[in-house]
């Protein structure tokens, strides 16, 4: 008789765990899709921000790996007082 509550509790925990893991999988499967027009818009905004913030002193460099470009932009963000949004847009422009 004492085993029945333990079995019920184990069953409830197992079902709760299964439901939680299936919800995570469904949430991951429904990821937002970036449209080509959004990519073009972000690239254009990044180019504008590059020209406004970086182009005064620098010509557009050759393509670098995203990690290297992110490091350069973090350093320049501090030196040139670039906003975080400007940094992200310029990074997108420089790595696409």
Protein backbone atom coordinates (compact mmCIF):
# COMPACT_ATOMS: atom_id res chain seq x y z
CA UNK A 1 0.00 0.00 0.00
CA UNK A 2 2.87 2.39 0.71
CA UNK A 3 4.27 1.83 -2.77
CA UNK A 4 1.24 3.30 -4.56
CA UNK A 5 1.85 6.95 -3.49
CA UNK A 6 5.54 6.62 -4.35
CA UNK A 7 4.69 5.22 -7.79
CA UNK A 8 2.13 7.97 -8.39
CA UNK A 9 4.67 10.61 -7.38
CA UNK A 10 7.30 9.07 -9.66
CA UNK A 11 4.82 9.00 -12.55
CA UNK A 12 3.86 12.65 -12.00
CA UNK A 13 7.52 13.70 -11.89
CA UNK A 14 8.30 11.74 -15.06
CA UNK A 15 5.36 13.27 -16.94
CA UNK A 16 6.27 16.77 -15.75
CA UNK A 17 9.85 16.29 -16.88
CA UNK A 18 8.72 14.97 -20.28
CA UNK A 19 6.30 17.87 -20.78
CA UNK A 20 8.98 20.42 -19.91
CA UNK A 21 11.49 18.92 -22.33
CA UNK A 22 8.97 18.70 -25.17
CA UNK A 23 8.01 22.37 -24.66
CA UNK A 24 11.67 23.39 -24.98
CA UNK A 25 12.01 21.42 -28.22
CA UNK A 26 8.86 23.05 -29.64
CA UNK A 27 10.10 26.51 -28.67
CA UNK A 28 13.45 25.85 -30.33
CA UNK A 29 11.76 24.60 -33.49
CA UNK A 30 9.74 27.80 -33.83
CA UNK A 31 12.66 30.20 -34.17
CA UNK A 32 12.25 33.57 -35.85
CA UNK A 33 13.26 33.71 -39.48
CA UNK A 34 15.39 36.61 -40.68
CA UNK A 35 14.10 37.86 -44.00
CA UNK A 36 16.38 38.98 -46.80
CA UNK A 37 14.95 42.51 -46.60
CA UNK A 38 15.80 42.64 -42.89
CA UNK A 39 19.36 41.55 -43.66
CA UNK A 40 19.65 44.21 -46.37
CA UNK A 41 18.26 46.84 -44.01
CA UNK A 42 20.66 45.87 -41.22
CA UNK A 43 23.59 45.89 -43.65
CA UNK A 44 22.62 49.35 -44.95
CA UNK A 45 22.24 50.71 -41.43
CA UNK A 46 25.59 49.19 -40.47
CA UNK A 47 27.25 50.83 -43.46
CA UNK A 48 25.74 54.20 -42.52
CA UNK A 49 26.97 53.82 -38.94
CA UNK A 50 30.43 52.78 -40.19
CA UNK A 51 30.66 55.87 -42.40
CA UNK A 52 29.42 58.16 -39.61
CA UNK A 53 31.56 56.72 -36.79
CA UNK A 54 34.52 54.91 -38.34
CA UNK A 55 34.84 56.25 -41.86
CA UNK A 56 36.10 59.60 -40.62
CA UNK A 57 39.42 57.99 -39.71
CA UNK A 58 39.41 54.54 -41.34
CA UNK A 59 38.84 53.02 -44.75
CA UNK A 60 36.78 49.84 -44.72
CA UNK A 61 39.23 47.03 -43.92
CA UNK A 62 39.37 43.66 -45.60
CA UNK A 63 37.07 40.99 -44.22
CA UNK A 64 38.19 39.62 -40.88
CA UNK A 65 36.73 36.71 -38.94
CA UNK A 66 33.73 37.82 -36.84
CA UNK A 67 35.58 37.25 -33.53
CA UNK A 68 38.51 39.43 -34.58
CA UNK A 69 36.19 42.16 -35.85
CA UNK A 70 34.16 42.04 -32.62
CA UNK A 71 37.34 42.52 -30.60
CA UNK A 72 38.39 45.50 -32.71
CA UNK A 73 34.93 47.06 -32.42
CA UNK A 74 34.86 46.62 -28.63
CA UNK A 75 38.16 48.49 -28.36
CA UNK A 76 37.02 51.22 -30.72
CA UNK A 77 33.69 51.50 -28.94
CA UNK A 78 35.51 52.64 -25.84
CA UNK A 79 37.91 54.96 -27.67
CA UNK A 80 35.37 56.53 -30.04
CA UNK A 81 32.37 56.43 -27.66
CA UNK A 82 30.26 54.41 -30.08
CA UNK A 83 26.90 53.21 -28.80
CA UNK A 84 26.21 49.53 -28.33
CA UNK A 85 23.64 49.58 -31.14
CA UNK A 86 26.14 51.25 -33.49
CA UNK A 87 28.71 48.61 -32.60
CA UNK A 88 26.30 45.74 -33.33
CA UNK A 89 25.22 47.24 -36.67
CA UNK A 90 28.79 47.95 -37.77
CA UNK A 91 29.78 44.41 -36.75
CA UNK A 92 26.93 43.02 -38.84
CA UNK A 93 28.00 45.17 -41.80
CA UNK A 94 31.67 44.22 -41.47
CA UNK A 95 31.05 40.47 -41.16
CA UNK A 96 28.40 39.98 -43.88
